[in-house]
Amino acid sequence: MSQRSRACSSALAPPPEQRHDEEEHVQRVRLVQAFLAAGVSSGTLVEMVPCMSEPS
């Protein structure tokens, strides 16, 4: 493996201390991303976040 390949692969690997998000948090992030893509403003999302305590 070349030095460049090693550098790229190590740059993509998460540090060992990085926590892994639970699936429900990942779903919540995807929901927020979908709202943003649909044109909902970040200000409106701030008001909606308390309603998103349960991702389902």
PDB file of N, CA and C in Angstrom:
ATOM      1  N   MET A   1       0.854  -1.185   0.000  1.00  0.00           N
ATOM      2  CA  MET A   1       0.000   0.000   0.000  1.00  0.00           C
ATOM      3  C   MET A   1       0.890   1.236   0.000  1.00  0.00           C
ATOM      4  N   SER A   2       0.580   2.188  -0.822  1.00  0.00           N
ATOM      5  CA  SER A   2       1.390   3.407  -0.909  1.00  0.00           C
ATOM      6  C   SER A   2       1.138   4.284   0.318  1.00  0.00           C
ATOM      7  N   GLN A   3       2.037   5.247   0.529  1.00  0.00           N
ATOM      8  CA  GLN A   3       1.865   6.166   1.650  1.00  0.00           C
ATOM      9  C   GLN A   3       0.588   6.969   1.496  1.00  0.00           C
ATOM     10  N   ARG A   4       0.269   7.353   0.255  1.00  0.00           N
ATOM     11  CA  ARG A   4      -0.942   8.131   0.020  1.00  0.00           C
ATOM     12  C   ARG A   4      -2.180   7.306   0.343  1.00  0.00           C
ATOM     13  N   SER A   5      -2.206   6.034  -0.070  1.00  0.00           N
ATOM     14  CA  SER A   5      -3.344   5.168   0.232  1.00  0.00           C
ATOM     15  C   SER A   5      -3.508   4.998   1.728  1.00  0.00           C
ATOM     16  N   ARG A   6      -2.382   4.802   2.428  1.00  0.00           N
ATOM     17  CA  ARG A   6      -2.448   4.664   3.888  1.00  0.00           C
ATOM     18  C   ARG A   6      -2.979   5.938   4.524  1.00  0.00           C
ATOM     19  N   ALA A   7      -2.540   7.079   4.035  1.00  0.00           N
ATOM     20  CA  ALA A   7      -2.991   8.351   4.596  1.00  0.00           C
ATOM     21  C   ALA A   7      -4.481   8.543   4.368  1.00  0.00           C
ATOM     22  N   CYS A   8      -4.945   8.200   3.178  1.00  0.00           N
ATOM     23  CA  CYS A   8      -6.370   8.354   2.875  1.00  0.00           C
ATOM     24  C   CYS A   8      -7.208   7.398   3.710  1.00  0.00           C
ATOM     25  N   SER A   9      -6.782   6.152   3.825  1.00  0.00           N
ATOM     26  CA  SER A   9      -7.579   5.196   4.582  1.00  0.00           C
ATOM     27  C   SER A   9      -7.575   5.532   6.067  1.00  0.00           C
ATOM     28  N   SER A  10      -6.457   6.021   6.596  1.00  0.00           N
ATOM     29  CA  SER A  10      -6.431   6.379   8.009  1.00  0.00           C
ATOM     30  C   SER A  10      -7.220   7.655   8.255  1.00  0.00           C
ATOM     31  N   ALA A  11      -7.302   8.541   7.264  1.00  0.00           N
ATOM     32  CA  ALA A  11      -8.085   9.768   7.419  1.00  0.00           C
ATOM     33  C   ALA A  11      -9.571   9.459   7.455  1.00  0.00           C
ATOM     34  N   LEU A  12      -9.984   8.383   6.818  1.00  0.00           N
ATOM     35  CA  LEU A  12     -11.398   8.025   6.783  1.00  0.00           C
ATOM     36  C   LEU A  12     -11.824   7.189   7.978  1.00  0.00           C
ATOM     37  N   ALA A  13     -10.895   6.559   8.640  1.00  0.00           N
ATOM     38  CA  ALA A  13     -11.233   5.707   9.786  1.00  0.00           C
ATOM     39  C   ALA A  13     -11.572   6.574  10.989  1.00  0.00           C
ATOM     40  N   PRO A  14     -12.677   6.278  11.676  1.00  0.00           N
ATOM     41  CA  PRO A  14     -13.028   7.077  12.859  1.00  0.00           C
ATOM     42  C   PRO A  14     -12.063   6.778  13.999  1.00  0.00           C
ATOM     43  N   PRO A  15     -11.792   7.774  14.824  1.00  0.00           N
ATOM     44  CA  PRO A  15     -10.916   7.521  15.971  1.00  0.00           C
ATOM     45  C   PRO A  15     -11.569   6.504  16.905  1.00  0.00           C
ATOM     46  N   PRO A  16     -10.789   5.701  17.602  1.00  0.00           N
ATOM     47  CA  PRO A  16     -11.362   4.657  18.446  1.00  0.00           C
ATOM     48  C   PRO A  16     -12.272   5.188  19.543  1.00  0.00           C
ATOM     49  N   GLU A  17     -12.034   6.416  19.987  1.00  0.00           N
ATOM     50  CA  GLU A  17     -12.874   6.969  21.061  1.00  0.00           C
ATOM     51  C   GLU A  17     -14.177   7.582  20.556  1.00  0.00           C
ATOM     52  N   GLN A  18     -14.354   7.645  19.248  1.00  0.00           N
ATOM     53  CA  GLN A  18     -15.577   8.223  18.686  1.00  0.00           C
ATOM     54  C   GLN A  18     -16.765   7.338  19.027  1.00  0.00           C
ATOM     55  N   ARG A  19     -17.814   7.954  19.561  1.00  0.00           N
ATOM     56  CA  ARG A  19     -18.980   7.156  19.908  1.00  0.00           C
ATOM     57  C   ARG A  19     -19.810   6.894  18.666  1.00  0.00           C
ATOM     58  N   HIS A  20     -20.548   5.842  18.718  1.00  0.00           N
ATOM     59  CA  HIS A  20     -21.423   5.502  17.611  1.00  0.00           C
ATOM     60  C   HIS A  20     -22.841   5.899  17.994  1.00  0.00           C
ATOM     61  N   ASP A  21     -23.472   6.672  17.126  1.00  0.00           N
ATOM     62  CA  ASP A  21     -24.831   7.117  17.412  1.00  0.00           C
ATOM     63  C   ASP A  21     -25.796   5.955  17.352  1.00  0.00           C
ATOM     64  N   GLU A  22     -26.765   6.005  18.223  1.00  0.00           N
ATOM     65  CA  GLU A  22     -27.826   5.021  18.181  1.00  0.00           C
ATOM     66  C   GLU A  22     -28.674   5.289  16.941  1.00  0.00           C
ATOM     67  N   GLU A  23     -29.294   4.261  16.447  1.00  0.00           N
ATOM     68  CA  GLU A  23     -30.094   4.365  15.220  1.00  0.00           C
ATOM     69  C   GLU A  23     -31.161   5.451  15.329  1.00  0.00           C
ATOM     70  N   GLU A  24     -31.763   5.616  16.505  1.00  0.00           N
ATOM     71  CA  GLU A  24     -32.813   6.630  16.634  1.00  0.00           C
ATOM     72  C   GLU A  24     -32.262   8.035  16.440  1.00  0.00           C
ATOM     73  N   HIS A  25     -31.018   8.272  16.846  1.00  0.00           N
ATOM     74  CA  HIS A  25     -30.409   9.587  16.627  1.00  0.00           C
ATOM     75  C   HIS A  25     -30.115   9.800  15.145  1.00  0.00           C
ATOM     76  N   VAL A  26     -29.676   8.748  14.495  1.00  0.00           N
ATOM     77  CA  VAL A  26     -29.414   8.827  13.057  1.00  0.00           C
ATOM     78  C   VAL A  26     -30.721   9.127  12.326  1.00  0.00           C
ATOM     79  N   GLN A  27     -31.801   8.499  12.735  1.00  0.00           N
ATOM     80  CA  GLN A  27     -33.104   8.755  12.109  1.00  0.00           C
ATOM     81  C   GLN A  27     -33.534  10.199  12.318  1.00  0.00           C
ATOM     82  N   ARG A  28     -33.270  10.732  13.498  1.00  0.00           N
ATOM     83  CA  ARG A  28     -33.648  12.122  13.781  1.00  0.00           C
ATOM     84  C   ARG A  28     -32.854  13.088  12.900  1.00  0.00           C
ATOM     85  N   VAL A  29     -31.577  12.823  12.731  1.00  0.00           N
ATOM     86  CA  VAL A  29     -30.751  13.667  11.861  1.00  0.00           C
ATOM     87  C   VAL A  29     -31.268  13.609  10.428  1.00  0.00           C
ATOM     88  N   ARG A  30     -31.616  12.419   9.973  1.00  0.00           N
ATOM     89  CA  ARG A  30     -32.159  12.285   8.610  1.00  0.00           C
ATOM     90  C   ARG A  30     -33.471  13.038   8.468  1.00  0.00           C
ATOM     91  N   LEU A  31     -34.292  13.034   9.511  1.00  0.00           N
ATOM     92  CA  LEU A  31     -35.553  13.773   9.475  1.00  0.00           C
ATOM     93  C   LEU A  31     -35.286  15.272   9.362  1.00  0.00           C
ATOM     94  N   VAL A  32     -34.357  15.766  10.150  1.00  0.00           N
ATOM     95  CA  VAL A  32     -34.000  17.192  10.082  1.00  0.00           C
ATOM     96  C   VAL A  32     -33.465  17.528   8.699  1.00  0.00           C
ATOM     97  N   GLN A  33     -32.614  16.667   8.151  1.00  0.00           N
ATOM     98  CA  GLN A  33     -32.081  16.901   6.805  1.00  0.00           C
ATOM     99  C   GLN A  33     -33.200  16.933   5.773  1.00  0.00           C
ATOM    100  N   ALA A  34     -34.191  16.067   5.939  1.00  0.00           N
ATOM    101  CA  ALA A  34     -35.324  16.046   5.001  1.00  0.00           C
ATOM    102  C   ALA A  34     -36.127  17.340   5.104  1.00  0.00           C
ATOM    103  N   PHE A  35     -36.348  17.832   6.318  1.00  0.00           N
ATOM    104  CA  PHE A  35     -37.065  19.099   6.486  1.00  0.00           C
ATOM    105  C   PHE A  35     -36.289  20.247   5.844  1.00  0.00           C
ATOM    106  N   LEU A  36     -34.973  20.272   6.049  1.00  0.00           N
ATOM    107  CA  LEU A  36     -34.159  21.327   5.445  1.00  0.00           C
ATOM    108  C   LEU A  36     -34.213  21.245   3.919  1.00  0.00           C
ATOM    109  N   ALA A  37     -34.137  20.040   3.381  1.00  0.00           N
ATOM    110  CA  ALA A  37     -34.202  19.857   1.927  1.00  0.00           C
ATOM    111  C   ALA A  37     -35.552  20.280   1.377  1.00  0.00           C
ATOM    112  N   ALA A  38     -36.594  20.167   2.197  1.00  0.00           N
ATOM    113  CA  ALA A  38     -37.939  20.554   1.765  1.00  0.00           C
ATOM    114  C   ALA A  38     -38.184  22.055   1.903  1.00  0.00           C
ATOM    115  N   GLY A  39     -37.179  22.778   2.429  1.00  0.00           N
ATOM    116  CA  GLY A  39     -37.302  24.222   2.513  1.00  0.00           C
ATOM    117  C   GLY A  39     -37.727  24.758   3.866  1.00  0.00           C
ATOM    118  N   VAL A  40     -37.822  23.903   4.873  1.00  0.00           N
ATOM    119  CA  VAL A  40     -38.175  24.375   6.212  1.00  0.00           C
ATOM    120  C   VAL A  40     -36.964  25.137   6.761  1.00  0.00           C
ATOM    121  N   SER A  41     -37.202  26.307   7.307  1.00  0.00           N
ATOM    122  CA  SER A  41     -36.094  27.129   7.803  1.00  0.00           C
ATOM    123  C   SER A  41     -35.519  26.543   9.089  1.00  0.00           C
ATOM    124  N   SER A  42     -34.263  26.873   9.352  1.00  0.00           N
ATOM    125  CA  SER A  42     -33.629  26.381  10.578  1.00  0.00           C
ATOM    126  C   SER A  42     -34.319  26.964  11.813  1.00  0.00           C
ATOM    127  N   GLY A  43     -34.841  28.185  11.704  1.00  0.00           N
ATOM    128  CA  GLY A  43     -35.579  28.786  12.818  1.00  0.00           C
ATOM    129  C   GLY A  43     -36.836  28.000  13.155  1.00  0.00           C
ATOM    130  N   THR A  44     -37.544  27.555  12.116  1.00  0.00           N
ATOM    131  CA  THR A  44     -38.730  26.738  12.336  1.00  0.00           C
ATOM    132  C   THR A  44     -38.335  25.387  12.920  1.00  0.00           C
ATOM    133  N   LEU A  45     -37.229  24.833  12.436  1.00  0.00           N
ATOM    134  CA  LEU A  45     -36.760  23.546  12.969  1.00  0.00           C
ATOM    135  C   LEU A  45     -36.419  23.652  14.447  1.00  0.00           C
ATOM    136  N   VAL A  46     -35.839  24.762  14.865  1.00  0.00           N
ATOM    137  CA  VAL A  46     -35.520  24.956  16.280  1.00  0.00           C
ATOM    138  C   VAL A  46     -36.785  24.848  17.116  1.00  0.00           C
ATOM    139  N   GLU A  47     -37.882  25.377  16.607  1.00  0.00           N
ATOM    140  CA  GLU A  47     -39.158  25.292  17.326  1.00  0.00           C
ATOM    141  C   GLU A  47     -39.721  23.872  17.301  1.00  0.00           C
ATOM    142  N   MET A  48     -39.404  23.104  16.263  1.00  0.00           N
ATOM    143  CA  MET A  48     -39.937  21.761  16.107  1.00  0.00           C
ATOM    144  C   MET A  48     -39.153  20.708  16.885  1.00  0.00           C
ATOM    145  N   VAL A  49     -37.882  20.972  17.187  1.00  0.00           N
ATOM    146  CA  VAL A  49     -37.025  19.968  17.814  1.00  0.00           C
ATOM    147  C   VAL A  49     -37.626  19.388  19.099  1.00  0.00           C
ATOM    148  N   PRO A  50     -38.218  20.178  19.978  1.00  0.00           N
ATOM    149  CA  PRO A  50     -38.798  19.561  21.182  1.00  0.00           C
ATOM    150  C   PRO A  50     -39.870  18.508  20.861  1.00  0.00           C
ATOM    151  N   CYS A  51     -40.512  18.649  19.737  1.00  0.00           N
ATOM    152  CA  CYS A  51     -41.530  17.673  19.317  1.00  0.00           C
ATOM    153  C   CYS A  51     -40.903  16.413  18.734  1.00  0.00           C
ATOM    154  N   MET A  52     -39.609  16.431  18.514  1.00  0.00           N
ATOM    155  CA  MET A  52     -38.923  15.297  17.910  1.00  0.00           C
ATOM    156  C   MET A  52     -38.223  14.430  18.951  1.00  0.00           C
ATOM    157  N   SER A  53     -38.658  14.488  20.199  1.00  0.00           N
ATOM    158  CA  SER A  53     -37.993  13.690  21.219  1.00  0.00           C
ATOM    159  C   SER A  53     -38.175  12.202  20.964  1.00  0.00           C
ATOM    160  N   GLU A  54     -39.248  11.827  20.332  1.00  0.00           N
ATOM    161  CA  GLU A  54     -39.475  10.451  19.920  1.00  0.00           C
ATOM    162  C   GLU A  54     -39.379  10.394  18.407  1.00  0.00           C
ATOM    163  N   PRO A  55     -38.317   9.751  17.878  1.00  0.00           N
ATOM    164  CA  PRO A  55     -38.100   9.782  16.424  1.00  0.00           C
ATOM    165  C   PRO A  55     -39.153   9.048  15.612  1.00  0.00           C
ATOM    166  N   SER A  56     -39.934   8.206  16.208  1.00  0.00           N
ATOM    167  CA  SER A  56     -40.918   7.466  15.419  1.00  0.00           C
ATOM    168  C   SER A  56     -42.195   8.181  15.374  1.00  0.00           C
TER     169      SER A  56
END
